[in-house]
């Protein structure tokens, strides 16, 4: 690993923006939203062809899933394959607050560094960028430009962030010392001014009813009747293993008190004792389970045998 040092960062950014017009730094670039709003995908446009010999970022597509995994795809069509002299960086202001983080880098709290095919996450510690302890979820690839995937939890559980991307070619590495020579570097920075803005949107999880099983198959006079409801989280698929169960049962117009009302064996269980006098009457029951603020329920109706 070749950790990012502050002098290299300053050099990369300073040379990239040396020809910028006089404008207010930190102004937000306006994104172009794609039609894929349901997937929370946003496409950010960058100017093309600034330097025909340099990497040319055309668009950056950022998206996230309901597990909080954020994907940054930096499209560089004139660099279809990764070469040894090419590197990429994504600066992330994870709290969207320029007053915090690196004051010389638009308030960036993190940098994703991609050098020689290896992605590493660095975190601003108030003085410099240090290797972040939250590396585990970071993955990378290159196909027409770099793609990075990282969970929001690794970026201070961000829900609103600002970012930019830098692609550099012409790097020369000293295999003995690890030193980087950028004398002949070519760069493209997106956006040209300020940072892009992105909001992480996660669909709140729900409890999904997987099954409702009666035992016996039909309510029978003089016997216990049980409904077992299996519910699972929509985000993880994990079945509910505990929680608060509510059972409601009626025979005709008379309400029955549940004898069993609990989560047992991965199911919400309700059991009623049906009096022998209920034969031929209608039974209506419902099972509801609540866990960590999430609820699921299902109703049942049948004739007592």
Foldseek 3Di string as FASTA:
>chain_A
DQDDWPVVVCVQVCVQQVPPDDDDFADADDWAQDPVVVQQKTKRAADADPDPVWFTFGIWIWGAAQQQKIKTFTAGQVPQDDDQQKKKKKFKQQASDQVDADVVPSRGQWMWIAHPRDTFIWGGPPPITDGQPQGVQWDWDGGNGIMIIHGCVSVVVGFKMWMKMKMKGDWDADPVPRDIDCPPMHMHIPPSHHTYIGGHDHDDKAKDWPDWQWVPNAAAAQAKIKIWIWIAIPPPRHTDQFFFKDKWKDWAPRTFDWPDATRDPRTTMTMTGHHNVRAQTKMKMKMKGADPRHIDMDIDIHGYD
